[in-house]
Protein backbone atom coordinates (compact mmCIF):
# COMPACT_ATOMS: atom_id res chain seq x y z
CA MET A 1 125.94 125.99 113.73
CA GLY A 2 122.59 125.05 113.93
CA ILE A 3 120.40 123.99 110.53
CA LYS A 4 119.54 127.07 108.37
CA PRO A 5 115.62 127.78 107.49
CA LYS A 6 116.65 126.46 103.80
CA GLU A 7 118.32 123.61 104.53
CA MET A 8 115.56 122.50 107.07
CA ASP A 9 113.00 122.98 104.12
CA THR A 10 115.09 120.88 102.12
CA ILE A 11 115.47 118.45 104.79
CA ILE A 12 111.34 118.28 105.10
CA LEU A 13 110.95 117.74 101.45
CA ILE A 14 113.13 114.90 100.98
CA ALA A 15 111.82 113.02 103.92
CA ILE A 16 107.97 113.62 102.56
CA LEU A 17 108.88 112.24 98.94
CA ALA A 18 110.85 109.33 100.79
CA PHE A 19 107.25 108.38 102.48
CA LEU A 20 105.69 109.14 99.04
CA ILE A 21 107.85 106.47 97.34
CA ALA A 22 107.89 103.96 100.40
CA GLY A 23 104.00 104.62 100.21
CA PHE A 24 104.14 103.93 96.32
CA LEU A 25 106.18 100.90 96.54
CA LEU A 26 104.10 99.11 99.26
CA LEU A 27 100.82 99.83 97.69
CA ARG A 28 102.39 98.25 94.68
CA LYS A 29 103.20 95.12 96.05
CA PHE A 30 100.05 94.83 98.46
CA ARG A 31 97.71 95.13 94.49
CA LYS A 32 100.48 92.30 93.33
CA ASP A 33 99.80 90.11 96.21
CA THR A 34 95.99 90.68 96.58
CA PRO A 35 94.21 88.32 93.90
CA ALA A 36 92.12 90.13 91.75
CA THR A 37 88.16 89.30 91.78
CA ASP A 38 86.94 88.01 88.17
CA ASP A 39 83.25 88.16 87.80
CA HIS A 40 83.07 86.26 84.49
CA HIS A 41 83.31 82.67 86.21
CA ASP A 42 80.49 80.77 87.87
CA HIS A 43 80.01 81.74 91.78
CA THR A 44 77.03 80.03 92.65
CA PRO A 45 76.34 80.14 96.35
CA VAL A 46 76.50 77.55 98.02
CA ASP A 47 73.20 76.97 100.56
CA GLY A 48 71.99 80.32 99.70
CA VAL A 49 75.28 81.85 101.49
CA CYS A 50 76.74 84.40 99.36
CA CYS A 51 80.07 83.86 97.54
CA GLY A 52 81.51 87.87 97.74
CA LYS A 53 82.36 88.43 94.11
CA HIS A 54 79.51 90.64 93.23
CA THR A 55 78.44 93.90 93.86
CA VAL A 56 74.63 92.58 94.85
CA CYS A 57 74.55 88.64 95.60
CA ASP A 58 72.87 86.54 93.37
CA LYS A 59 71.67 84.07 96.33
CA GLY A 60 70.69 81.85 93.77
CA TYR A 61 67.78 83.73 92.38
CA ASP A 62 65.45 82.27 89.57
CA ASN A 63 65.91 84.60 86.16
CA LYS A 64 62.79 83.43 85.40
CA SER A 65 61.07 84.56 87.98
CA LEU A 66 62.29 87.71 87.87
CA TYR A 67 59.93 90.50 86.74
CA PHE A 68 59.74 94.40 87.12
CA ASP A 69 58.00 97.01 85.31
CA ASP A 70 60.73 98.32 83.76
CA GLU A 71 61.04 97.23 79.84
CA GLU A 72 61.55 100.66 79.32
CA LEU A 73 65.23 100.59 80.44
CA ASP A 74 65.54 97.19 78.30
CA ARG A 75 66.97 100.16 75.40
CA PHE A 76 69.81 100.80 77.60
CA LYS A 77 71.24 96.92 77.04
CA GLY A 78 74.80 96.94 76.47
CA LYS A 79 75.39 100.75 77.17
CA GLU A 80 78.14 101.50 79.54
CA GLN A 81 77.36 103.38 83.24
CA LYS A 82 79.22 106.56 82.05
CA GLU A 83 77.73 107.29 78.97
CA TYR A 84 73.94 108.10 80.49
CA THR A 85 72.29 111.71 80.11
CA GLU A 86 71.32 113.11 82.90
CA GLU A 87 67.54 112.34 81.73
CA GLU A 88 68.25 108.71 81.20
CA ILE A 89 69.48 108.56 85.42
CA GLU A 90 66.33 110.17 86.19
CA GLU A 91 64.61 107.32 84.46
CA PHE A 92 66.59 104.57 86.52
CA ARG A 93 65.76 107.09 89.53
CA GLN A 94 62.17 106.63 88.93
CA VAL A 95 62.04 103.14 88.82
CA LEU A 96 64.10 102.92 91.76
CA TYR A 97 62.39 105.17 94.23
CA THR A 98 58.84 103.73 93.41
CA MET A 99 59.91 100.11 94.33
CA LYS A 100 60.02 98.35 98.16
CA PRO A 101 62.94 98.06 99.74
CA GLU A 102 63.18 94.72 100.06
CA GLU A 103 63.06 94.50 96.23
CA VAL A 104 65.94 96.74 94.81
CA ASP A 105 68.88 93.58 95.20
CA LEU A 106 66.61 91.88 93.03
CA TRP A 107 66.13 94.44 90.46
CA VAL A 108 70.00 95.20 89.92
CA HIS A 109 70.60 91.28 89.56
CA CYS A 110 67.54 91.38 87.03
CA LEU A 111 69.15 94.33 85.10
CA GLN A 112 72.80 92.63 85.62
CA THR A 113 71.05 89.63 83.85
CA ARG A 114 68.90 91.30 81.06
CA GLY A 115 72.81 93.30 80.02
CA ILE A 116 71.85 96.50 81.74
CA GLU A 117 74.28 98.60 83.37
CA MET A 118 73.34 101.11 85.62
CA PRO A 119 74.58 104.93 85.57
CA SER A 120 77.32 105.32 88.10
CA ALA A 121 75.30 107.92 90.60
CA VAL A 122 72.30 105.71 90.82
CA LYS A 123 74.87 102.41 91.18
CA ASP A 124 76.02 104.49 94.47
CA GLU A 125 72.39 105.35 95.60
CA VAL A 126 71.70 101.56 95.46
CA LEU A 127 74.62 100.76 97.26
CA LEU A 128 73.68 102.96 100.16
CA MET A 129 70.37 101.73 100.07
CA LEU A 130 71.41 98.05 100.56
CA GLN A 131 73.92 98.67 103.51
């Protein structure tokens, strides 16, 4: 007497369900054990070494000396990254792709200090450029 195909399907389904539950429980445990990063505290780099707590490293930049010809972006201060229209996203891209590659991290830092949140799509492009 072998296992019938219908019984085999049930056994496979139970096994998959057991693996999914075990994976979920392990993921929950891992998240509880991992300390959350808090970007609202001062993470000043020591001797120019990045603290690793930010999307783009602060590296001890002097905020007063940072200036980019992008004052038109100041109107987006306080706007969330998912609220941008396609036209507004293109404004960010236009500024991004007209600067030198070595200026990108400074520009992102400058936007952060001015309270301007970059659109999600442009943020992804910046991260690819910085790698």
